[in-house]
PDB file of N, CA and C in Angstrom:
ATOM      1  N   MET A   1     150.591 123.956  94.296  1.00  0.00           N
ATOM      2  CA  MET A   1     149.625 124.735  95.086  1.00  0.00           C
ATOM      3  C   MET A   1     148.817 123.759  95.860  1.00  0.00           C
ATOM      4  N   LYS A   2     148.571 124.421  96.952  1.00  0.00           N
ATOM      5  CA  LYS A   2     147.604 123.776  98.092  1.00  0.00           C
ATOM      6  C   LYS A   2     146.391 123.265  97.520  1.00  0.00           C
ATOM      7  N   THR A   3     145.577 124.232  96.822  1.00  0.00           N
ATOM      8  CA  THR A   3     144.236 123.867  96.420  1.00  0.00           C
ATOM      9  C   THR A   3     144.435 122.778  95.261  1.00  0.00           C
ATOM     10  N   ASN A   4     145.350 122.972  94.089  1.00  0.00           N
ATOM     11  CA  ASN A   4     145.594 121.629  93.358  1.00  0.00           C
ATOM     12  C   ASN A   4     145.778 120.497  93.839  1.00  0.00           C
ATOM     13  N   LYS A   5     146.348 120.203  94.969  1.00  0.00           N
ATOM     14  CA  LYS A   5     146.563 119.048  95.519  1.00  0.00           C
ATOM     15  C   LYS A   5     145.252 118.497  96.158  1.00  0.00           C
ATOM     16  N   TYR A   6     144.588 119.415  96.756  1.00  0.00           N
ATOM     17  CA  TYR A   6     143.287 119.249  97.178  1.00  0.00           C
ATOM     18  C   TYR A   6     142.115 118.758  96.291  1.00  0.00           C
ATOM     19  N   VAL A   7     142.208 119.450  95.308  1.00  0.00           N
ATOM     20  CA  VAL A   7     141.367 118.768  93.788  1.00  0.00           C
ATOM     21  C   VAL A   7     141.490 117.403  93.412  1.00  0.00           C
ATOM     22  N   GLU A   8     143.109 117.180  93.317  1.00  0.00           N
ATOM     23  CA  GLU A   8     143.413 115.828  92.826  1.00  0.00           C
ATOM     24  C   GLU A   8     143.096 114.918  93.945  1.00  0.00           C
ATOM     25  N   GLU A   9     143.243 115.135  95.324  1.00  0.00           N
ATOM     26  CA  GLU A   9     142.767 114.090  96.164  1.00  0.00           C
ATOM     27  C   GLU A   9     141.134 113.918  96.029  1.00  0.00           C
ATOM     28  N   LEU A  10     140.302 114.940  95.747  1.00  0.00           N
ATOM     29  CA  LEU A  10     139.038 114.875  95.711  1.00  0.00           C
ATOM     30  C   LEU A  10     138.666 113.918  94.505  1.00  0.00           C
ATOM     31  N   ALA A  11     139.412 113.986  93.277  1.00  0.00           N
ATOM     32  CA  ALA A  11     139.171 113.415  92.037  1.00  0.00           C
ATOM     33  C   ALA A  11     139.665 111.936  92.264  1.00  0.00           C
ATOM     34  N   LYS A  12     140.432 111.409  93.198  1.00  0.00           N
ATOM     35  CA  LYS A  12     140.761 110.070  93.250  1.00  0.00           C
ATOM     36  C   LYS A  12     139.659 109.464  94.059  1.00  0.00           C
ATOM     37  N   LYS A  13     138.761 110.174  95.007  1.00  0.00           N
ATOM     38  CA  LYS A  13     137.830 109.434  95.917  1.00  0.00           C
ATOM     39  C   LYS A  13     136.615 109.209  95.012  1.00  0.00           C
ATOM     40  N   SER A  14     135.895 108.186  95.501  1.00  0.00           N
ATOM     41  CA  SER A  14     134.523 107.780  95.051  1.00  0.00           C
ATOM     42  C   SER A  14     133.206 108.833  95.240  1.00  0.00           C
ATOM     43  N   ALA A  15     132.308 108.582  94.316  1.00  0.00           N
ATOM     44  CA  ALA A  15     131.087 109.428  94.934  1.00  0.00           C
ATOM     45  C   ALA A  15     130.630 109.378  96.025  1.00  0.00           C
ATOM     46  N   ALA A  16     130.566 108.014  96.672  1.00  0.00           N
ATOM     47  CA  ALA A  16     130.122 108.120  98.301  1.00  0.00           C
ATOM     48  C   ALA A  16     131.086 108.845  99.194  1.00  0.00           C
ATOM     49  N   GLU A  17     132.295 108.586  98.921  1.00  0.00           N
ATOM     50  CA  GLU A  17     133.088 109.532  99.757  1.00  0.00           C
ATOM     51  C   GLU A  17     132.957 110.851  99.597  1.00  0.00           C
ATOM     52  N   LEU A  18     132.730 111.113  98.499  1.00  0.00           N
ATOM     53  CA  LEU A  18     132.881 112.694  98.082  1.00  0.00           C
ATOM     54  C   LEU A  18     131.423 113.301  98.795  1.00  0.00           C
ATOM     55  N   ASN A  19     130.510 112.363  98.535  1.00  0.00           N
ATOM     56  CA  ASN A  19     129.043 112.742  99.255  1.00  0.00           C
ATOM     57  C   ASN A  19     129.070 112.925 100.797  1.00  0.00           C
ATOM     58  N   GLU A  20     129.910 111.969 101.522  1.00  0.00           N
ATOM     59  CA  GLU A  20     130.388 112.042 102.901  1.00  0.00           C
ATOM     60  C   GLU A  20     131.151 113.246 103.275  1.00  0.00           C
ATOM     61  N   GLU A  21     132.070 113.580 102.433  1.00  0.00           N
ATOM     62  CA  GLU A  21     132.795 114.840 102.691  1.00  0.00           C
ATOM     63  C   GLU A  21     131.814 116.127 102.548  1.00  0.00           C
ATOM     64  N   LEU A  22     131.070 116.268 101.658  1.00  0.00           N
ATOM     65  CA  LEU A  22     130.202 117.302 101.238  1.00  0.00           C
ATOM     66  C   LEU A  22     129.523 117.272 102.613  1.00  0.00           C
ATOM     67  N   VAL A  23     128.732 116.284 102.916  1.00  0.00           N
ATOM     68  CA  VAL A  23     128.071 116.342 104.274  1.00  0.00           C
ATOM     69  C   VAL A  23     128.765 117.072 105.564  1.00  0.00           C
ATOM     70  N   ASN A  24     130.216 116.462 105.744  1.00  0.00           N
ATOM     71  CA  ASN A  24     130.984 116.991 106.785  1.00  0.00           C
ATOM     72  C   ASN A  24     131.176 118.392 106.375  1.00  0.00           C
ATOM     73  N   ALA A  25     131.652 118.950 105.308  1.00  0.00           N
ATOM     74  CA  ALA A  25     131.663 120.334 104.864  1.00  0.00           C
ATOM     75  C   ALA A  25     130.596 121.228 105.256  1.00  0.00           C
ATOM     76  N   LYS A  26     129.457 120.686 104.903  1.00  0.00           N
ATOM     77  CA  LYS A  26     128.128 121.575 105.198  1.00  0.00           C
ATOM     78  C   LYS A  26     127.918 121.743 106.547  1.00  0.00           C
ATOM     79  N   LYS A  27     128.310 120.642 107.594  1.00  0.00           N
ATOM     80  CA  LYS A  27     127.933 120.804 108.754  1.00  0.00           C
ATOM     81  C   LYS A  27     129.078 121.764 109.493  1.00  0.00           C
ATOM     82  N   GLU A  28     130.329 121.743 109.056  1.00  0.00           N
ATOM     83  CA  GLU A  28     131.336 122.715 109.462  1.00  0.00           C
ATOM     84  C   GLU A  28     130.849 123.907 109.340  1.00  0.00           C
ATOM     85  N   LEU A  29     130.503 124.266 107.868  1.00  0.00           N
ATOM     86  CA  LEU A  29     129.967 125.450 107.700  1.00  0.00           C
ATOM     87  C   LEU A  29     128.839 126.088 108.564  1.00  0.00           C
ATOM     88  N   PHE A  30     127.915 125.031 108.869  1.00  0.00           N
ATOM     89  CA  PHE A  30     126.877 125.499 109.696  1.00  0.00           C
ATOM     90  C   PHE A  30     127.366 125.990 111.172  1.00  0.00           C
ATOM     91  N   ASN A  31     128.260 124.971 111.778  1.00  0.00           N
ATOM     92  CA  ASN A  31     128.869 125.269 113.131  1.00  0.00           C
ATOM     93  C   ASN A  31     129.660 126.577 112.867  1.00  0.00           C
ATOM     94  N   LEU A  32     130.248 127.011 111.881  1.00  0.00           N
ATOM     95  CA  LEU A  32     131.082 128.199 111.962  1.00  0.00           C
ATOM     96  C   LEU A  32     130.294 129.385 111.926  1.00  0.00           C
ATOM     97  N   ARG A  33     129.049 129.274 111.108  1.00  0.00           N
ATOM     98  CA  ARG A  33     128.175 130.420 110.926  1.00  0.00           C
ATOM     99  C   ARG A  33     127.517 130.676 112.356  1.00  0.00           C
ATOM    100  N   PHE A  34     127.283 129.624 113.148  1.00  0.00           N
ATOM    101  CA  PHE A  34     126.720 129.601 114.390  1.00  0.00           C
ATOM    102  C   PHE A  34     127.589 130.371 115.497  1.00  0.00           C
ATOM    103  N   GLN A  35     129.015 130.016 115.387  1.00  0.00           N
ATOM    104  CA  GLN A  35     130.001 130.720 116.063  1.00  0.00           C
ATOM    105  C   GLN A  35     130.098 132.004 115.770  1.00  0.00           C
ATOM    106  N   ASN A  36     129.984 132.433 114.280  1.00  0.00           N
ATOM    107  CA  ASN A  36     130.099 133.770 114.174  1.00  0.00           C
ATOM    108  C   ASN A  36     129.062 134.394 114.607  1.00  0.00           C
ATOM    109  N   ALA A  37     127.736 133.915 114.549  1.00  0.00           N
ATOM    110  CA  ALA A  37     126.672 134.481 114.870  1.00  0.00           C
ATOM    111  C   ALA A  37     126.582 135.157 116.414  1.00  0.00           C
ATOM    112  N   THR A  38     127.274 134.279 117.345  1.00  0.00           N
ATOM    113  CA  THR A  38     127.268 134.208 118.758  1.00  0.00           C
ATOM    114  C   THR A  38     128.466 135.088 119.277  1.00  0.00           C
ATOM    115  N   ASN A  39     129.582 135.428 118.127  1.00  0.00           N
ATOM    116  CA  ASN A  39     130.652 136.072 118.403  1.00  0.00           C
ATOM    117  C   ASN A  39     131.771 135.318 119.045  1.00  0.00           C
ATOM    118  N   GLN A  40     131.826 133.843 118.736  1.00  0.00           N
ATOM    119  CA  GLN A  40     132.840 133.311 119.346  1.00  0.00           C
ATOM    120  C   GLN A  40     133.839 132.597 118.304  1.00  0.00           C
ATOM    121  N   LEU A  41     133.568 133.064 116.935  1.00  0.00           N
ATOM    122  CA  LEU A  41     134.521 132.697 115.856  1.00  0.00           C
ATOM    123  C   LEU A  41     135.823 133.362 115.860  1.00  0.00           C
ATOM    124  N   ASP A  42     136.771 133.006 116.109  1.00  0.00           N
ATOM    125  CA  ASP A  42     138.025 133.907 116.052  1.00  0.00           C
ATOM    126  C   ASP A  42     138.322 134.160 114.506  1.00  0.00           C
ATOM    127  N   ASN A  43     138.536 132.952 113.497  1.00  0.00           N
ATOM    128  CA  ASN A  43     138.951 132.839 112.241  1.00  0.00           C
ATOM    129  C   ASN A  43     138.111 132.912 111.283  1.00  0.00           C
ATOM    130  N   THR A  44     137.625 134.290 110.799  1.00  0.00           N
ATOM    131  CA  THR A  44     136.251 134.575 110.166  1.00  0.00           C
ATOM    132  C   THR A  44     136.775 133.844 108.609  1.00  0.00           C
ATOM    133  N   SER A  45     138.081 133.793 108.308  1.00  0.00           N
ATOM    134  CA  SER A  45     138.169 133.413 107.026  1.00  0.00           C
ATOM    135  C   SER A  45     137.854 132.089 106.780  1.00  0.00           C
ATOM    136  N   ARG A  46     137.748 131.225 107.790  1.00  0.00           N
ATOM    137  CA  ARG A  46     137.487 129.814 107.534  1.00  0.00           C
ATOM    138  C   ARG A  46     136.005 129.676 106.838  1.00  0.00           C
ATOM    139  N   ILE A  47     135.206 130.471 107.105  1.00  0.00           N
ATOM    140  CA  ILE A  47     133.984 130.553 106.500  1.00  0.00           C
ATOM    141  C   ILE A  47     134.326 130.514 105.009  1.00  0.00           C
ATOM    142  N   LYS A  48     134.945 131.515 104.594  1.00  0.00           N
ATOM    143  CA  LYS A  48     135.386 131.510 103.044  1.00  0.00           C
ATOM    144  C   LYS A  48     135.918 130.346 102.516  1.00  0.00           C
ATOM    145  N   GLU A  49     136.869 129.699 103.207  1.00  0.00           N
ATOM    146  CA  GLU A  49     137.549 128.625 102.886  1.00  0.00           C
ATOM    147  C   GLU A  49     136.695 127.301 102.630  1.00  0.00           C
ATOM    148  N   VAL A  50     135.707 127.216 103.677  1.00  0.00           N
ATOM    149  CA  VAL A  50     134.838 125.968 103.721  1.00  0.00           C
ATOM    150  C   VAL A  50     133.807 126.086 102.596  1.00  0.00           C
ATOM    151  N   ARG A  51     133.243 127.257 102.327  1.00  0.00           N
ATOM    152  CA  ARG A  51     132.444 127.459 101.226  1.00  0.00           C
ATOM    153  C   ARG A  51     133.071 126.978  99.881  1.00  0.00           C
ATOM    154  N   LYS A  52     134.382 127.443  99.684  1.00  0.00           N
ATOM    155  CA  LYS A  52     135.273 127.216  98.343  1.00  0.00           C
ATOM    156  C   LYS A  52     135.340 125.792  98.195  1.00  0.00           C
ATOM    157  N   ASN A  53     135.687 124.879  99.397  1.00  0.00           N
ATOM    158  CA  ASN A  53     135.687 123.820  99.408  1.00  0.00           C
ATOM    159  C   ASN A  53     134.515 122.883  99.090  1.00  0.00           C
ATOM    160  N   ILE A  54     133.599 123.465  99.558  1.00  0.00           N
ATOM    161  CA  ILE A  54     132.137 122.758  99.149  1.00  0.00           C
ATOM    162  C   ILE A  54     131.763 122.770  97.709  1.00  0.00           C
ATOM    163  N   ALA A  55     132.279 124.156  97.281  1.00  0.00           N
ATOM    164  CA  ALA A  55     132.126 124.471  95.836  1.00  0.00           C
ATOM    165  C   ALA A  55     132.937 123.306  95.049  1.00  0.00           C
ATOM    166  N   ARG A  56     134.233 122.985  95.614  1.00  0.00           N
ATOM    167  CA  ARG A  56     135.205 122.155  94.668  1.00  0.00           C
ATOM    168  C   ARG A  56     134.595 120.742  94.832  1.00  0.00           C
ATOM    169  N   ILE A  57     134.141 120.061  96.059  1.00  0.00           N
ATOM    170  CA  ILE A  57     133.415 118.835  96.004  1.00  0.00           C
ATOM    171  C   ILE A  57     132.455 118.657  95.019  1.00  0.00           C
ATOM    172  N   GLN A  58     131.507 119.741  95.099  1.00  0.00           N
ATOM    173  CA  GLN A  58     130.208 119.641  94.127  1.00  0.00           C
ATOM    174  C   GLN A  58     130.844 119.605  92.869  1.00  0.00           C
ATOM    175  N   THR A  59     131.961 120.500  92.353  1.00  0.00           N
ATOM    176  CA  THR A  59     132.292 120.415  91.000  1.00  0.00           C
ATOM    177  C   THR A  59     132.826 119.217  90.553  1.00  0.00           C
ATOM    178  N   VAL A  60     133.680 118.320  91.499  1.00  0.00           N
ATOM    179  CA  VAL A  60     134.202 116.905  91.112  1.00  0.00           C
ATOM    180  C   VAL A  60     133.130 116.260  90.992  1.00  0.00           C
ATOM    181  N   LEU A  61     132.110 116.141  91.740  1.00  0.00           N
ATOM    182  CA  LEU A  61     130.788 115.361  91.791  1.00  0.00           C
ATOM    183  C   LEU A  61     130.156 115.371  90.548  1.00  0.00           C
ATOM    184  N   SER A  62     129.887 116.344  89.912  1.00  0.00           N
ATOM    185  CA  SER A  62     129.403 116.633  88.773  1.00  0.00           C
ATOM    186  C   SER A  62     130.347 116.247  87.550  1.00  0.00           C
ATOM    187  N   ALA A  63     131.519 116.462  87.813  1.00  0.00           N
ATOM    188  CA  ALA A  63     132.176 115.929  86.785  1.00  0.00           C
ATOM    189  C   ALA A  63     132.285 114.422  86.741  1.00  0.00           C
ATOM    190  N   GLN A  64     132.206 113.816  87.785  1.00  0.00           N
ATOM    191  CA  GLN A  64     132.310 112.332  87.738  1.00  0.00           C
ATOM    192  C   GLN A  64     130.877 112.026  86.978  1.00  0.00           C
ATOM    193  N   SER A  65     129.823 112.693  87.607  1.00  0.00           N
ATOM    194  CA  SER A  65     128.612 112.031  87.092  1.00  0.00           C
ATOM    195  C   SER A  65     128.484 112.287  85.474  1.00  0.00           C
ATOM    196  N   LYS A  66     129.183 113.165  84.961  1.00  0.00           N
ATOM    197  CA  LYS A  66     129.053 113.389  83.459  1.00  0.00           C
ATOM    198  C   LYS A  66     129.811 112.381  82.831  1.00  0.00           C
ATOM    199  N   GLN A  67     131.233 111.970  83.610  1.00  0.00           N
ATOM    200  CA  GLN A  67     131.875 110.864  82.848  1.00  0.00           C
ATOM    201  C   GLN A  67     131.144 109.445  82.867  1.00  0.00           C
ATOM    202  N   ALA A  68     130.265 109.365  83.871  1.00  0.00           N
ATOM    203  CA  ALA A  68     129.588 108.100  83.982  1.00  0.00           C
ATOM    204  C   ALA A  68     128.614 107.603  82.984  1.00  0.00           C
TER     205      ALA A  68
END
């Protein structure tokens, strides 16, 4: 499955890399919301996908912090 591979890739990254990816995902979400508000967004399902990716990143971060 596509999401399982994504989560496995996230688990291999360090906390700094995950934080950087989290910031990038949040910026992307902001831009998507802005485009949606101005009726420039074609693929609205991308918002849902990015939100779920943010949650996945945060889950991996919290799991890593509990292990440390």
